[in-house]
């Protein structure tokens, strides 16, 4: 279910909300990707998913993709990366955590903006990077 927010209103959405939504969208996308290709028991699926959704994996992906993002998306990413972090990850460096938050912010922004095609393209690129790093 996608509920697009008009362009003039999306700029008013706090980065923490964009990242919160982006985290959920990314997690669901990864889970569906794993289930569709691997299957298996939930414990096995969870261990596979962690390789994609960890802050270091997300940070690695966005570092590789950043320069190819359009300026608008780079700005959203920076806004999320540089925003106030409510907490820090236990298993990630502060830099990786900020980069991962920036990526989740971008994913949330694309989702809430109704940019499904671009979101799908970006998520496929991230999945490919995570699989190559495996």
C-alpha atoms as a PDB file:
ATOM      1  CA  UNK A   1       0.000   0.000   0.000  1.00  0.00           C
ATOM      2  CA  UNK A   2       1.594   3.226  -1.120  1.00  0.00           C
ATOM      3  CA  UNK A   3       0.233   6.539   0.100  1.00  0.00           C
ATOM      4  CA  UNK A   4       2.026   9.266  -1.844  1.00  0.00           C
ATOM      5  CA  UNK A   5       2.500  12.626  -0.185  1.00  0.00           C
ATOM      6  CA  UNK A   6       2.316  15.699  -2.466  1.00  0.00           C
ATOM      7  CA  UNK A   7       5.746  17.156  -3.369  1.00  0.00           C
ATOM      8  CA  UNK A   8       5.121  20.375  -1.464  1.00  0.00           C
ATOM      9  CA  UNK A   9       4.335  18.406   1.706  1.00  0.00           C
ATOM     10  CA  UNK A  10       7.131  15.795   1.523  1.00  0.00           C
ATOM     11  CA  UNK A  11       9.707  18.471   2.374  1.00  0.00           C
ATOM     12  CA  UNK A  12       7.934  18.982   5.690  1.00  0.00           C
ATOM     13  CA  UNK A  13       8.207  15.342   6.749  1.00  0.00           C
ATOM     14  CA  UNK A  14      10.931  14.997   9.423  1.00  0.00           C
ATOM     15  CA  UNK A  15      13.948  12.933   8.405  1.00  0.00           C
ATOM     16  CA  UNK A  16      13.343  10.626  11.356  1.00  0.00           C
ATOM     17  CA  UNK A  17       9.922   9.749   9.886  1.00  0.00           C
ATOM     18  CA  UNK A  18      11.371   9.246   6.406  1.00  0.00           C
ATOM     19  CA  UNK A  19      14.052   6.942   7.852  1.00  0.00           C
ATOM     20  CA  UNK A  20      11.472   5.059   9.925  1.00  0.00           C
ATOM     21  CA  UNK A  21       9.331   4.388   6.858  1.00  0.00           C
ATOM     22  CA  UNK A  22      12.405   3.677   4.716  1.00  0.00           C
ATOM     23  CA  UNK A  23      13.658   1.103   7.209  1.00  0.00           C
ATOM     24  CA  UNK A  24      10.339  -0.760   7.047  1.00  0.00           C
ATOM     25  CA  UNK A  25      10.132  -0.593   3.239  1.00  0.00           C
ATOM     26  CA  UNK A  26      13.715  -1.816   2.867  1.00  0.00           C
ATOM     27  CA  UNK A  27      13.242  -4.645   5.381  1.00  0.00           C
ATOM     28  CA  UNK A  28      10.096  -5.843   3.598  1.00  0.00           C
ATOM     29  CA  UNK A  29      11.776  -5.636   0.192  1.00  0.00           C
ATOM     30  CA  UNK A  30      14.748  -7.666   1.446  1.00  0.00           C
ATOM     31  CA  UNK A  31      12.496 -10.267   3.065  1.00  0.00           C
ATOM     32  CA  UNK A  32      10.460 -10.683  -0.115  1.00  0.00           C
ATOM     33  CA  UNK A  33      13.655 -10.950  -2.170  1.00  0.00           C
ATOM     34  CA  UNK A  34      15.055 -13.661   0.084  1.00  0.00           C
ATOM     35  CA  UNK A  35      11.809 -15.634   0.295  1.00  0.00           C
ATOM     36  CA  UNK A  36      11.352 -15.546  -3.473  1.00  0.00           C
ATOM     37  CA  UNK A  37      14.851 -16.831  -4.161  1.00  0.00           C
ATOM     38  CA  UNK A  38      15.808 -18.969  -1.215  1.00  0.00           C
ATOM     39  CA  UNK A  39      12.862 -20.044   0.891  1.00  0.00           C
ATOM     40  CA  UNK A  40      13.501 -22.088   4.007  1.00  0.00           C
ATOM     41  CA  UNK A  41      12.856 -21.772   7.686  1.00  0.00           C
ATOM     42  CA  UNK A  42      12.465 -18.414   9.371  1.00  0.00           C
ATOM     43  CA  UNK A  43      15.780 -18.661  11.240  1.00  0.00           C
ATOM     44  CA  UNK A  44      17.686 -19.224   8.008  1.00  0.00           C
ATOM     45  CA  UNK A  45      15.781 -16.412   6.320  1.00  0.00           C
ATOM     46  CA  UNK A  46      16.528 -14.045   9.193  1.00  0.00           C
ATOM     47  CA  UNK A  47      20.276 -14.768   9.050  1.00  0.00           C
ATOM     48  CA  UNK A  48      20.246 -14.093   5.301  1.00  0.00           C
ATOM     49  CA  UNK A  49      18.288 -10.853   5.749  1.00  0.00           C
ATOM     50  CA  UNK A  50      20.752  -9.482   8.300  1.00  0.00           C
ATOM     51  CA  UNK A  51      23.424  -9.437   5.587  1.00  0.00           C
ATOM     52  CA  UNK A  52      21.318  -6.927   3.668  1.00  0.00           C
ATOM     53  CA  UNK A  53      19.774  -4.811   6.409  1.00  0.00           C
ATOM     54  CA  UNK A  54      22.761  -4.245   8.691  1.00  0.00           C
ATOM     55  CA  UNK A  55      24.081  -0.705   8.945  1.00  0.00           C
ATOM     56  CA  UNK A  56      27.499  -1.687   7.505  1.00  0.00           C
ATOM     57  CA  UNK A  57      25.842  -3.341   4.468  1.00  0.00           C
ATOM     58  CA  UNK A  58      23.577  -0.345   3.861  1.00  0.00           C
ATOM     59  CA  UNK A  59      26.481   2.087   4.318  1.00  0.00           C
ATOM     60  CA  UNK A  60      28.598   0.121   1.835  1.00  0.00           C
ATOM     61  CA  UNK A  61      25.802   0.182  -0.734  1.00  0.00           C
ATOM     62  CA  UNK A  62      25.103   3.915  -0.494  1.00  0.00           C
ATOM     63  CA  UNK A  63      28.810   4.755  -0.632  1.00  0.00           C
ATOM     64  CA  UNK A  64      28.992   2.928  -3.967  1.00  0.00           C
ATOM     65  CA  UNK A  65      25.771   4.453  -5.302  1.00  0.00           C
ATOM     66  CA  UNK A  66      26.010   8.014  -3.980  1.00  0.00           C
ATOM     67  CA  UNK A  67      27.757   9.640  -6.929  1.00  0.00           C
ATOM     68  CA  UNK A  68      25.273   8.140  -9.402  1.00  0.00           C
ATOM     69  CA  UNK A  69      22.236   9.507  -7.543  1.00  0.00           C
ATOM     70  CA  UNK A  70      20.469  12.553  -8.991  1.00  0.00           C
ATOM     71  CA  UNK A  71      21.139  15.764  -7.038  1.00  0.00           C
ATOM     72  CA  UNK A  72      17.664  15.724  -5.472  1.00  0.00           C
ATOM     73  CA  UNK A  73      18.287  12.245  -4.041  1.00  0.00           C
ATOM     74  CA  UNK A  74      21.776  13.193  -2.860  1.00  0.00           C
ATOM     75  CA  UNK A  75      20.229  16.118  -0.974  1.00  0.00           C
ATOM     76  CA  UNK A  76      17.651  13.857   0.713  1.00  0.00           C
ATOM     77  CA  UNK A  77      20.397  11.375   1.618  1.00  0.00           C
ATOM     78  CA  UNK A  78      22.561  14.159   3.118  1.00  0.00           C
ATOM     79  CA  UNK A  79      19.594  15.499   5.063  1.00  0.00           C
ATOM     80  CA  UNK A  80      19.039  12.073   6.599  1.00  0.00           C
ATOM     81  CA  UNK A  81      22.728  11.352   7.181  1.00  0.00           C
ATOM     82  CA  UNK A  82      23.317  14.679   8.888  1.00  0.00           C
ATOM     83  CA  UNK A  83      20.062  14.726  10.862  1.00  0.00           C
ATOM     84  CA  UNK A  84      19.884  14.168  14.587  1.00  0.00           C
ATOM     85  CA  UNK A  85      20.352  10.488  15.374  1.00  0.00           C
ATOM     86  CA  UNK A  86      18.002   9.370  18.131  1.00  0.00           C
ATOM     87  CA  UNK A  87      20.132   6.321  18.871  1.00  0.00           C
ATOM     88  CA  UNK A  88      23.224   4.516  17.682  1.00  0.00           C
ATOM     89  CA  UNK A  89      23.576   0.958  16.416  1.00  0.00           C
ATOM     90  CA  UNK A  90      25.337  -1.528  18.649  1.00  0.00           C
ATOM     91  CA  UNK A  91      27.128  -3.321  15.820  1.00  0.00           C
ATOM     92  CA  UNK A  92      28.099  -0.446  13.558  1.00  0.00           C
ATOM     93  CA  UNK A  93      30.463   2.478  13.562  1.00  0.00           C
ATOM     94  CA  UNK A  94      28.880   5.927  13.987  1.00  0.00           C
ATOM     95  CA  UNK A  95      29.790   6.733  10.360  1.00  0.00           C
ATOM     96  CA  UNK A  96      28.159   3.561   9.016  1.00  0.00           C
ATOM     97  CA  UNK A  97      25.076   4.215  11.126  1.00  0.00           C
ATOM     98  CA  UNK A  98      24.731   7.742   9.712  1.00  0.00           C
ATOM     99  CA  UNK A  99      25.149   6.517   6.144  1.00  0.00           C
ATOM    100  CA  UNK A 100      22.587   3.758   6.716  1.00  0.00           C
ATOM    101  CA  UNK A 101      20.159   6.295   8.172  1.00  0.00           C
ATOM    102  CA  UNK A 102      20.687   8.521   5.143  1.00  0.00           C
ATOM    103  CA  UNK A 103      19.896   5.600   2.853  1.00  0.00           C
ATOM    104  CA  UNK A 104      16.767   4.716   4.828  1.00  0.00           C
ATOM    105  CA  UNK A 105      15.719   8.375   4.631  1.00  0.00           C
ATOM    106  CA  UNK A 106      16.089   8.278   0.847  1.00  0.00           C
ATOM    107  CA  UNK A 107      14.087   5.050   0.606  1.00  0.00           C
ATOM    108  CA  UNK A 108      11.333   6.539   2.790  1.00  0.00           C
ATOM    109  CA  UNK A 109      11.323   9.699   0.682  1.00  0.00           C
ATOM    110  CA  UNK A 110      10.968   7.762  -2.575  1.00  0.00           C
ATOM    111  CA  UNK A 111       8.243   5.571  -1.110  1.00  0.00           C
ATOM    112  CA  UNK A 112       6.201   8.424   0.360  1.00  0.00           C
ATOM    113  CA  UNK A 113       6.662  10.458  -2.832  1.00  0.00           C
ATOM    114  CA  UNK A 114       5.055   7.652  -4.823  1.00  0.00           C
ATOM    115  CA  UNK A 115       8.183   7.151  -6.957  1.00  0.00           C
ATOM    116  CA  UNK A 116       7.714   3.383  -7.206  1.00  0.00           C
ATOM    117  CA  UNK A 117       9.765   2.837 -10.345  1.00  0.00           C
ATOM    118  CA  UNK A 118      12.779   4.721  -9.004  1.00  0.00           C
ATOM    119  CA  UNK A 119      12.433   3.036  -5.610  1.00  0.00           C
ATOM    120  CA  UNK A 120      12.413  -0.397  -7.235  1.00  0.00           C
ATOM    121  CA  UNK A 121      15.461   0.508  -9.333  1.00  0.00           C
ATOM    122  CA  UNK A 122      17.408   1.717  -6.285  1.00  0.00           C
ATOM    123  CA  UNK A 123      16.443  -1.278  -4.140  1.00  0.00           C
ATOM    124  CA  UNK A 124      17.515  -3.669  -6.894  1.00  0.00           C
ATOM    125  CA  UNK A 125      20.888  -1.923  -7.096  1.00  0.00           C
ATOM    126  CA  UNK A 126      21.333  -2.194  -3.319  1.00  0.00           C
ATOM    127  CA  UNK A 127      20.418  -5.898  -3.349  1.00  0.00           C
ATOM    128  CA  UNK A 128      22.925  -6.524  -6.135  1.00  0.00           C
ATOM    129  CA  UNK A 129      25.690  -4.747  -4.179  1.00  0.00           C
ATOM    130  CA  UNK A 130      24.899  -6.741  -1.025  1.00  0.00           C
ATOM    131  CA  UNK A 131      24.972 -10.004  -2.947  1.00  0.00           C
ATOM    132  CA  UNK A 132      28.291  -9.162  -4.570  1.00  0.00           C
ATOM    133  CA  UNK A 133      29.761  -8.368  -1.145  1.00  0.00           C
ATOM    134  CA  UNK A 134      28.620 -11.728   0.219  1.00  0.00           C
END
